[in-house]
Amino acid sequence: MREFGKVLTPEQVDAVPRPSKPWVEPTEIQPVPTAAEMATWFPSETDEDRRFRWEQNVTTGERKAIELTLDEYRARHVAKIISKNEYVMSKAAEAVAARRKAVLDRLIDAELAKV
C-alpha cells in the first residue's frame, strides 16, 4: 500500500503527466458518495494518478512536491463529483433557457407578422 502525504522525488513528480488527463465533458449526474462509502474508497495506485501539492519555503526558496493525504484525496474526489454535477445542471439550465428564448422569439415574430 502506498504511503500518503510524503515528499515526492523529482522522478515521481515527472511520472505524473501534465495535464494529468484530458477533460471530458460530463453528460450525466453521478451520485455523490456517502461518508460510509468514502471511508472505504482509495485512490488509484498508479504513478500517473498520483496527485500532489507544491510547498515552498519562502526563506530558502526550497520547493517540495508533497503527495496528498488520504483525506485530501477523498475530499478532492467528492469535490470533483459535485463540481461535475453542478456543471451538468448548469448546462441543462442553459439549454432550457435557450429553448424558451427560441419559442418566445417565434411567438413574438408571429405576433408581429399579424400586425
N, C-alpha and C. Protein backbone atom coordinates (compact mmCIF):
# COMPACT_ATOMS: atom_id res chain seq x y z
N MET A 1 0.85 -1.17 0.00
CA MET A 1 0.00 0.00 0.00
C MET A 1 0.90 1.24 0.00
N ARG A 2 0.47 2.24 -0.73
CA ARG A 2 1.23 3.47 -0.87
C ARG A 2 1.11 4.32 0.39
N GLU A 3 2.19 5.00 0.71
CA GLU A 3 2.20 5.91 1.85
C GLU A 3 1.79 7.30 1.36
N PHE A 4 0.77 7.88 1.99
CA PHE A 4 0.26 9.18 1.56
C PHE A 4 0.89 10.31 2.35
N GLY A 5 0.93 11.50 1.76
CA GLY A 5 1.41 12.68 2.46
C GLY A 5 2.91 12.81 2.54
N LYS A 6 3.66 12.03 1.76
CA LYS A 6 5.12 12.09 1.84
C LYS A 6 5.67 13.01 0.75
N VAL A 7 6.89 13.43 0.94
CA VAL A 7 7.57 14.27 -0.05
C VAL A 7 7.97 13.38 -1.22
N LEU A 8 7.67 13.85 -2.43
CA LEU A 8 7.96 13.08 -3.63
C LEU A 8 9.31 13.46 -4.21
N THR A 9 9.94 12.50 -4.87
CA THR A 9 11.20 12.77 -5.56
C THR A 9 10.88 13.41 -6.90
N PRO A 10 11.86 14.09 -7.50
CA PRO A 10 11.62 14.67 -8.84
C PRO A 10 11.18 13.63 -9.87
N GLU A 11 11.69 12.41 -9.76
CA GLU A 11 11.30 11.35 -10.69
C GLU A 11 9.83 10.98 -10.52
N GLN A 12 9.36 10.94 -9.28
CA GLN A 12 7.95 10.64 -9.03
C GLN A 12 7.05 11.76 -9.54
N VAL A 13 7.50 12.99 -9.40
CA VAL A 13 6.72 14.13 -9.90
C VAL A 13 6.67 14.08 -11.43
N ASP A 14 7.80 13.76 -12.07
CA ASP A 14 7.85 13.70 -13.53
C ASP A 14 7.02 12.55 -14.10
N ALA A 15 6.73 11.53 -13.29
CA ALA A 15 5.92 10.40 -13.75
C ALA A 15 4.45 10.79 -13.94
N VAL A 16 4.03 11.89 -13.32
CA VAL A 16 2.65 12.34 -13.44
C VAL A 16 2.56 13.22 -14.68
N PRO A 17 1.78 12.79 -15.70
CA PRO A 17 1.67 13.61 -16.91
C PRO A 17 0.91 14.90 -16.64
N ARG A 18 1.29 15.99 -17.33
CA ARG A 18 0.60 17.27 -17.18
C ARG A 18 0.13 17.74 -18.53
N PRO A 19 -1.10 18.09 -18.75
CA PRO A 19 -2.19 17.91 -17.80
C PRO A 19 -2.40 16.42 -17.56
N SER A 20 -2.86 16.09 -16.35
CA SER A 20 -2.91 14.69 -15.96
C SER A 20 -3.80 13.86 -16.86
N LYS A 21 -4.97 14.37 -17.23
CA LYS A 21 -5.86 13.67 -18.15
C LYS A 21 -6.64 14.72 -18.93
N PRO A 22 -6.98 14.42 -20.19
CA PRO A 22 -7.78 15.39 -20.93
C PRO A 22 -9.17 15.52 -20.31
N TRP A 23 -9.72 16.73 -20.38
CA TRP A 23 -11.04 16.97 -19.80
C TRP A 23 -12.11 16.38 -20.70
N VAL A 24 -12.99 15.61 -20.11
CA VAL A 24 -14.12 15.03 -20.83
C VAL A 24 -15.38 15.66 -20.25
N GLU A 25 -16.18 16.26 -21.13
CA GLU A 25 -17.38 16.95 -20.66
C GLU A 25 -18.37 15.94 -20.08
N PRO A 26 -18.76 16.13 -18.82
CA PRO A 26 -19.73 15.20 -18.23
C PRO A 26 -21.12 15.41 -18.84
N THR A 27 -21.86 14.32 -18.96
CA THR A 27 -23.18 14.41 -19.57
C THR A 27 -24.30 13.95 -18.65
N GLU A 28 -23.96 13.32 -17.56
CA GLU A 28 -25.00 12.86 -16.64
C GLU A 28 -24.56 13.07 -15.20
N ILE A 29 -25.54 13.18 -14.33
CA ILE A 29 -25.27 13.42 -12.92
C ILE A 29 -24.87 12.10 -12.26
N GLN A 30 -23.79 12.15 -11.49
CA GLN A 30 -23.32 10.97 -10.76
C GLN A 30 -23.76 11.09 -9.30
N PRO A 31 -24.05 9.98 -8.67
CA PRO A 31 -24.39 10.05 -7.25
C PRO A 31 -23.16 10.43 -6.42
N VAL A 32 -23.35 11.30 -5.46
CA VAL A 32 -22.26 11.72 -4.57
C VAL A 32 -22.08 10.64 -3.50
N PRO A 33 -20.88 10.14 -3.32
CA PRO A 33 -20.66 9.08 -2.33
C PRO A 33 -20.96 9.56 -0.91
N THR A 34 -21.49 8.66 -0.12
CA THR A 34 -21.76 8.96 1.28
C THR A 34 -20.46 8.86 2.08
N ALA A 35 -20.51 9.31 3.32
CA ALA A 35 -19.33 9.24 4.18
C ALA A 35 -18.92 7.78 4.41
N ALA A 36 -19.91 6.90 4.52
CA ALA A 36 -19.60 5.48 4.72
C ALA A 36 -18.92 4.89 3.48
N GLU A 37 -19.36 5.29 2.30
CA GLU A 37 -18.73 4.81 1.07
C GLU A 37 -17.32 5.38 0.93
N MET A 38 -17.14 6.62 1.32
CA MET A 38 -15.81 7.23 1.20
C MET A 38 -14.83 6.67 2.23
N ALA A 39 -15.32 6.11 3.30
CA ALA A 39 -14.43 5.53 4.31
C ALA A 39 -13.66 4.34 3.75
N THR A 40 -14.20 3.69 2.73
CA THR A 40 -13.54 2.53 2.15
C THR A 40 -12.94 2.83 0.77
N TRP A 41 -13.07 4.07 0.28
CA TRP A 41 -12.57 4.45 -1.04
C TRP A 41 -11.08 4.73 -0.96
N PHE A 42 -10.33 4.25 -1.94
CA PHE A 42 -8.91 4.52 -2.03
C PHE A 42 -8.58 4.98 -3.44
N PRO A 43 -7.62 5.91 -3.58
CA PRO A 43 -7.23 6.38 -4.92
C PRO A 43 -6.47 5.30 -5.68
N SER A 44 -6.33 5.53 -6.96
CA SER A 44 -5.59 4.60 -7.81
C SER A 44 -4.14 4.51 -7.35
N GLU A 45 -3.56 3.35 -7.50
CA GLU A 45 -2.17 3.12 -7.06
C GLU A 45 -1.14 3.47 -8.13
N THR A 46 -1.58 3.80 -9.36
CA THR A 46 -0.62 4.06 -10.43
C THR A 46 0.06 5.41 -10.24
N ASP A 47 1.29 5.49 -10.75
CA ASP A 47 2.05 6.74 -10.63
C ASP A 47 1.40 7.86 -11.44
N GLU A 48 0.73 7.52 -12.54
CA GLU A 48 0.10 8.54 -13.37
C GLU A 48 -1.07 9.21 -12.67
N ASP A 49 -1.69 8.50 -11.72
CA ASP A 49 -2.84 9.04 -11.00
C ASP A 49 -2.46 9.66 -9.66
N ARG A 50 -1.19 9.78 -9.39
CA ARG A 50 -0.72 10.38 -8.14
C ARG A 50 -0.97 11.88 -8.18
N ARG A 51 -1.45 12.43 -7.09
CA ARG A 51 -1.72 13.87 -7.01
C ARG A 51 -0.89 14.46 -5.87
N PHE A 52 -0.41 15.67 -6.09
CA PHE A 52 0.46 16.30 -5.10
C PHE A 52 0.22 17.80 -5.09
N ARG A 53 0.74 18.43 -4.06
CA ARG A 53 0.69 19.89 -3.98
C ARG A 53 2.13 20.39 -3.79
N TRP A 54 2.37 21.61 -4.20
CA TRP A 54 3.69 22.20 -4.05
C TRP A 54 3.73 23.02 -2.77
N GLU A 55 4.80 22.89 -2.03
CA GLU A 55 5.05 23.73 -0.86
C GLU A 55 6.41 24.38 -1.06
N GLN A 56 6.45 25.68 -0.81
CA GLN A 56 7.70 26.40 -0.99
C GLN A 56 8.07 27.11 0.30
N ASN A 57 9.31 26.95 0.69
CA ASN A 57 9.85 27.66 1.85
C ASN A 57 10.27 29.04 1.36
N VAL A 58 9.61 30.07 1.86
CA VAL A 58 9.88 31.42 1.37
C VAL A 58 11.25 31.94 1.82
N THR A 59 11.78 31.38 2.88
CA THR A 59 13.08 31.82 3.37
C THR A 59 14.20 31.26 2.50
N THR A 60 14.14 29.96 2.24
CA THR A 60 15.22 29.32 1.49
C THR A 60 14.90 29.19 0.00
N GLY A 61 13.64 29.30 -0.38
CA GLY A 61 13.25 29.12 -1.78
C GLY A 61 13.12 27.67 -2.17
N GLU A 62 13.30 26.76 -1.21
CA GLU A 62 13.20 25.34 -1.50
C GLU A 62 11.74 24.98 -1.81
N ARG A 63 11.56 24.19 -2.87
CA ARG A 63 10.22 23.82 -3.31
C ARG A 63 10.09 22.30 -3.23
N LYS A 64 9.02 21.82 -2.57
CA LYS A 64 8.82 20.38 -2.40
C LYS A 64 7.45 20.00 -2.94
N ALA A 65 7.39 18.84 -3.56
CA ALA A 65 6.13 18.26 -4.00
C ALA A 65 5.71 17.26 -2.94
N ILE A 66 4.53 17.48 -2.35
CA ILE A 66 4.04 16.60 -1.29
C ILE A 66 2.76 15.94 -1.76
N GLU A 67 2.76 14.61 -1.72
CA GLU A 67 1.57 13.88 -2.15
C GLU A 67 0.42 14.18 -1.21
N LEU A 68 -0.79 14.19 -1.77
CA LEU A 68 -1.97 14.43 -0.95
C LEU A 68 -2.13 13.34 0.10
N THR A 69 -2.72 13.70 1.23
CA THR A 69 -3.04 12.70 2.23
C THR A 69 -4.29 11.97 1.79
N LEU A 70 -4.60 10.87 2.43
CA LEU A 70 -5.77 10.10 2.06
C LEU A 70 -7.04 10.93 2.23
N ASP A 71 -7.11 11.73 3.30
CA ASP A 71 -8.28 12.59 3.49
C ASP A 71 -8.39 13.63 2.38
N GLU A 72 -7.26 14.17 1.94
CA GLU A 72 -7.27 15.15 0.84
C GLU A 72 -7.70 14.49 -0.47
N TYR A 73 -7.23 13.27 -0.72
CA TYR A 73 -7.66 12.53 -1.91
C TYR A 73 -9.18 12.34 -1.88
N ARG A 74 -9.69 11.92 -0.74
CA ARG A 74 -11.13 11.66 -0.62
C ARG A 74 -11.95 12.95 -0.78
N ALA A 75 -11.51 14.04 -0.16
CA ALA A 75 -12.21 15.32 -0.29
C ALA A 75 -12.17 15.80 -1.74
N ARG A 76 -11.04 15.62 -2.40
CA ARG A 76 -10.90 16.02 -3.80
C ARG A 76 -11.83 15.20 -4.69
N HIS A 77 -11.93 13.90 -4.42
CA HIS A 77 -12.79 13.01 -5.20
C HIS A 77 -14.25 13.46 -5.10
N VAL A 78 -14.72 13.73 -3.90
CA VAL A 78 -16.11 14.17 -3.70
C VAL A 78 -16.32 15.55 -4.34
N ALA A 79 -15.35 16.45 -4.16
CA ALA A 79 -15.49 17.79 -4.73
C ALA A 79 -15.57 17.75 -6.25
N LYS A 80 -14.81 16.86 -6.88
CA LYS A 80 -14.86 16.75 -8.34
C LYS A 80 -16.21 16.23 -8.81
N ILE A 81 -16.78 15.28 -8.10
CA ILE A 81 -18.10 14.76 -8.47
C ILE A 81 -19.14 15.87 -8.33
N ILE A 82 -19.10 16.61 -7.23
CA ILE A 82 -20.05 17.70 -7.02
C ILE A 82 -19.88 18.77 -8.10
N SER A 83 -18.65 19.11 -8.43
CA SER A 83 -18.38 20.12 -9.45
C SER A 83 -18.91 19.68 -10.81
N LYS A 84 -18.69 18.43 -11.16
CA LYS A 84 -19.18 17.92 -12.45
C LYS A 84 -20.70 17.90 -12.47
N ASN A 85 -21.34 17.55 -11.36
CA ASN A 85 -22.80 17.56 -11.29
C ASN A 85 -23.34 18.98 -11.46
N GLU A 86 -22.69 19.95 -10.83
CA GLU A 86 -23.11 21.35 -10.98
C GLU A 86 -22.95 21.80 -12.42
N TYR A 87 -21.90 21.36 -13.09
CA TYR A 87 -21.68 21.71 -14.49
C TYR A 87 -22.80 21.14 -15.36
N VAL A 88 -23.15 19.87 -15.14
CA VAL A 88 -24.22 19.24 -15.92
C VAL A 88 -25.54 19.98 -15.69
N MET A 89 -25.83 20.34 -14.44
CA MET A 89 -27.08 21.05 -14.15
C MET A 89 -27.09 22.44 -14.78
N SER A 90 -25.95 23.13 -14.77
CA SER A 90 -25.92 24.47 -15.38
C SER A 90 -26.08 24.38 -16.89
N LYS A 91 -25.49 23.37 -17.52
CA LYS A 91 -25.65 23.19 -18.96
C LYS A 91 -27.10 22.86 -19.30
N ALA A 92 -27.77 22.06 -18.48
CA ALA A 92 -29.18 21.74 -18.71
C ALA A 92 -30.03 23.00 -18.55
N ALA A 93 -29.73 23.82 -17.57
CA ALA A 93 -30.48 25.07 -17.37
C ALA A 93 -30.26 26.02 -18.55
N GLU A 94 -29.05 26.07 -19.08
CA GLU A 94 -28.77 26.90 -20.25
C GLU A 94 -29.56 26.41 -21.46
N ALA A 95 -29.65 25.10 -21.63
CA ALA A 95 -30.39 24.54 -22.76
C ALA A 95 -31.88 24.86 -22.64
N VAL A 96 -32.43 24.77 -21.43
CA VAL A 96 -33.85 25.12 -21.21
C VAL A 96 -34.07 26.59 -21.51
N ALA A 97 -33.19 27.45 -21.05
CA ALA A 97 -33.33 28.89 -21.29
C ALA A 97 -33.24 29.20 -22.78
N ALA A 98 -32.36 28.52 -23.49
CA ALA A 98 -32.23 28.74 -24.93
C ALA A 98 -33.50 28.29 -25.67
N ARG A 99 -34.07 27.14 -25.26
CA ARG A 99 -35.32 26.67 -25.89
C ARG A 99 -36.45 27.65 -25.61
N ARG A 100 -36.55 28.14 -24.38
CA ARG A 100 -37.60 29.11 -24.03
C ARG A 100 -37.44 30.39 -24.84
N LYS A 101 -36.22 30.85 -24.98
CA LYS A 101 -35.99 32.07 -25.76
C LYS A 101 -36.36 31.86 -27.22
N ALA A 102 -36.04 30.70 -27.78
CA ALA A 102 -36.38 30.42 -29.17
C ALA A 102 -37.89 30.40 -29.37
N VAL A 103 -38.62 29.77 -28.44
CA VAL A 103 -40.08 29.74 -28.53
C VAL A 103 -40.65 31.15 -28.39
N LEU A 104 -40.14 31.89 -27.44
CA LEU A 104 -40.61 33.26 -27.24
C LEU A 104 -40.35 34.11 -28.48
N ASP A 105 -39.18 33.97 -29.08
CA ASP A 105 -38.87 34.73 -30.30
C ASP A 105 -39.82 34.36 -31.44
N ARG A 106 -40.13 33.06 -31.58
CA ARG A 106 -41.07 32.65 -32.63
C ARG A 106 -42.45 33.23 -32.38
N LEU A 107 -42.90 33.23 -31.13
CA LEU A 107 -44.22 33.79 -30.81
C LEU A 107 -44.26 35.30 -31.08
N ILE A 108 -43.20 35.99 -30.70
CA ILE A 108 -43.15 37.44 -30.94
C ILE A 108 -43.14 37.72 -32.45
N ASP A 109 -42.33 36.95 -33.19
CA ASP A 109 -42.29 37.14 -34.64
C ASP A 109 -43.65 36.88 -35.27
N ALA A 110 -44.33 35.83 -34.82
CA ALA A 110 -45.67 35.53 -35.36
C ALA A 110 -46.64 36.63 -35.02
N GLU A 111 -46.59 37.17 -33.84
CA GLU A 111 -47.50 38.25 -33.43
C GLU A 111 -47.22 39.51 -34.23
N LEU A 112 -45.95 39.81 -34.44
CA LEU A 112 -45.60 41.00 -35.22
C LEU A 112 -45.98 40.85 -36.69
N ALA A 113 -45.96 39.61 -37.18
CA ALA A 113 -46.36 39.37 -38.58
C ALA A 113 -47.84 39.64 -38.78
N LYS A 114 -48.65 39.49 -37.76
CA LYS A 114 -50.09 39.74 -37.85
C LYS A 114 -50.40 41.23 -37.99
N VAL A 115 -49.56 42.05 -37.43
CA VAL A 115 -49.82 43.50 -37.40
C VAL A 115 -49.61 44.14 -38.71
